[in-house]
Amino acid sequence: MPAFATVDAYLASLPEARRGTADALLPIIEAVLPGRGAVWHGHPVWSLGPKPGVSPVCHLKAYDTYVTFGLWRGQAVTDPSGRLAANAREMASVKLRTPADVDAVLFTDWLRQAVGLG
């Protein structure tokens, strides 16, 4: 995948099916972390720090058949749904295959918890 200068450029490059899923996720992320998104290591990341990757909170990354929504400290997030899958270190993520997989209430809760973890 080519390098992208902005989150919008990354999203615009996605195939329609993946773009729809990312478009459903973006307003949820932006509501909790407004203006904090940047492309870091080739995909969108939202951070608390002054630069991308400084105190990262979440990311999204598109693959052929799904979009991953990940939380850097996701294993510390309370997830009554059981949808978050543990990843390396403290990370956790969920695979989203369609826009219908995006649960605004649940994901907002995850994000607020993740922001609170710093």
Protein backbone atom coordinates (compact mmCIF):
# COMPACT_ATOMS: atom_id res chain seq x y z
CA MET A 1 0.00 0.00 0.00
CA PRO A 2 1.40 3.45 -0.86
CA ALA A 3 2.26 6.07 1.74
CA PHE A 4 -0.53 8.47 2.66
CA ALA A 5 -0.21 11.99 4.02
CA THR A 6 -3.59 12.15 5.74
CA VAL A 7 -6.32 9.97 7.22
CA ASP A 8 -8.68 11.21 4.51
CA ALA A 9 -6.23 10.16 1.75
CA TYR A 10 -5.92 6.71 3.33
CA LEU A 11 -9.70 6.31 3.53
CA ALA A 12 -10.19 7.57 -0.04
CA SER A 13 -7.82 4.87 -1.30
CA LEU A 14 -9.82 2.00 0.15
CA PRO A 15 -12.04 -0.25 -1.94
CA GLU A 16 -15.71 0.68 -1.57
CA ALA A 17 -16.57 -2.17 0.83
CA ARG A 18 -13.73 -1.33 3.21
CA ARG A 19 -14.31 2.41 2.89
CA GLY A 20 -17.93 1.98 4.00
CA THR A 21 -16.81 0.18 7.13
CA ALA A 22 -14.10 2.76 7.87
CA ASP A 23 -16.58 5.59 7.20
CA ALA A 24 -18.94 4.10 9.80
CA LEU A 25 -16.11 3.96 12.33
CA LEU A 26 -14.54 7.37 11.72
CA PRO A 27 -17.25 9.60 13.30
CA ILE A 28 -17.15 7.48 16.47
CA ILE A 29 -13.40 7.90 16.78
CA GLU A 30 -13.53 11.61 15.93
CA ALA A 31 -16.25 12.22 18.54
CA VAL A 32 -13.91 10.97 21.28
CA LEU A 33 -10.56 12.04 19.80
CA PRO A 34 -11.41 15.04 17.59
CA GLY A 35 -8.60 16.10 15.27
CA ARG A 36 -6.13 13.63 16.82
CA GLY A 37 -5.83 11.33 13.79
CA ALA A 38 -2.74 11.01 11.61
CA VAL A 39 -1.16 8.39 9.39
CA TRP A 40 1.56 6.55 11.28
CA HIS A 41 3.32 3.47 9.95
CA GLY A 42 1.03 3.49 6.93
CA HIS A 43 -2.42 3.60 8.53
CA PRO A 44 -4.58 5.98 10.60
CA VAL A 45 -3.73 6.28 14.30
CA TRP A 46 -5.33 8.53 16.93
CA SER A 47 -3.02 9.64 19.74
CA LEU A 48 -3.13 11.83 22.83
CA GLY A 49 0.41 13.16 22.33
CA PRO A 50 1.55 16.13 20.26
CA LYS A 51 2.75 13.92 17.39
CA PRO A 52 1.49 10.70 15.80
CA GLY A 53 2.46 7.68 17.83
CA VAL A 54 2.99 9.60 21.07
CA SER A 55 0.49 8.10 23.51
CA PRO A 56 -1.46 6.25 20.78
CA VAL A 57 -5.02 5.27 21.66
CA CYS A 58 -6.47 3.53 18.61
CA HIS A 59 -5.96 2.72 14.96
CA LEU A 60 -7.74 1.36 11.97
CA LYS A 61 -6.20 -0.67 9.19
CA ALA A 62 -7.86 -2.10 6.11
CA TYR A 63 -7.19 -5.59 4.79
CA ASP A 64 -8.67 -7.45 1.81
CA THR A 65 -11.85 -8.59 3.57
CA TYR A 66 -12.08 -6.52 6.76
CA VAL A 67 -11.01 -3.42 8.68
CA THR A 68 -9.23 -3.81 12.00
CA PHE A 69 -10.11 -1.37 14.78
CA GLY A 70 -7.47 -1.64 17.49
CA LEU A 71 -6.80 -0.13 20.89
CA TRP A 72 -3.23 0.19 22.16
CA ARG A 73 -4.24 -0.62 25.72
CA GLY A 74 -7.25 -2.65 24.70
CA GLN A 75 -6.53 -5.56 27.04
CA ALA A 76 -7.17 -3.17 29.95
CA VAL A 77 -10.55 -2.11 28.54
CA THR A 78 -13.66 -3.70 30.02
CA ASP A 79 -15.45 -5.46 27.17
CA PRO A 80 -18.73 -7.12 28.21
CA SER A 81 -19.37 -8.00 24.54
CA GLY A 82 -16.30 -10.22 24.29
CA ARG A 83 -15.59 -8.84 20.81
CA LEU A 84 -12.11 -7.45 21.53
CA ALA A 85 -9.39 -10.01 20.74
CA ALA A 86 -6.09 -9.74 22.62
CA ASN A 87 -3.05 -8.94 20.47
CA ALA A 88 0.63 -8.37 21.22
CA ARG A 89 1.66 -6.51 24.35
CA GLU A 90 -1.38 -4.67 25.73
CA MET A 91 -3.24 -4.27 22.44
CA ALA A 92 -6.64 -5.65 21.49
CA SER A 93 -8.65 -5.34 18.30
CA VAL A 94 -11.82 -6.29 16.48
CA LYS A 95 -12.24 -7.25 12.82
CA LEU A 96 -15.05 -5.40 11.05
CA ARG A 97 -16.33 -6.91 7.81
CA THR A 98 -19.27 -4.56 7.14
CA PRO A 99 -20.52 -1.21 8.44
CA ALA A 100 -23.14 -3.17 10.44
CA ASP A 101 -20.29 -4.58 12.57
CA VAL A 102 -19.66 -1.08 13.96
CA ASP A 103 -21.51 -0.63 17.27
CA ALA A 104 -21.39 3.09 18.08
CA VAL A 105 -22.32 2.74 21.76
CA LEU A 106 -19.88 -0.10 22.44
CA PHE A 107 -16.98 1.42 20.50
CA THR A 108 -17.50 4.83 22.13
CA ASP A 109 -17.30 3.15 25.53
CA TRP A 110 -14.09 1.33 24.54
CA LEU A 111 -12.56 4.58 23.28
CA ARG A 112 -13.47 6.55 26.39
CA GLN A 113 -11.96 3.83 28.56
CA ALA A 114 -8.81 3.75 26.42
CA VAL A 115 -8.42 7.54 26.61
CA GLY A 116 -8.77 7.31 30.41
CA LEU A 117 -5.90 4.80 30.48
CA GLY A 118 -3.66 7.41 28.85
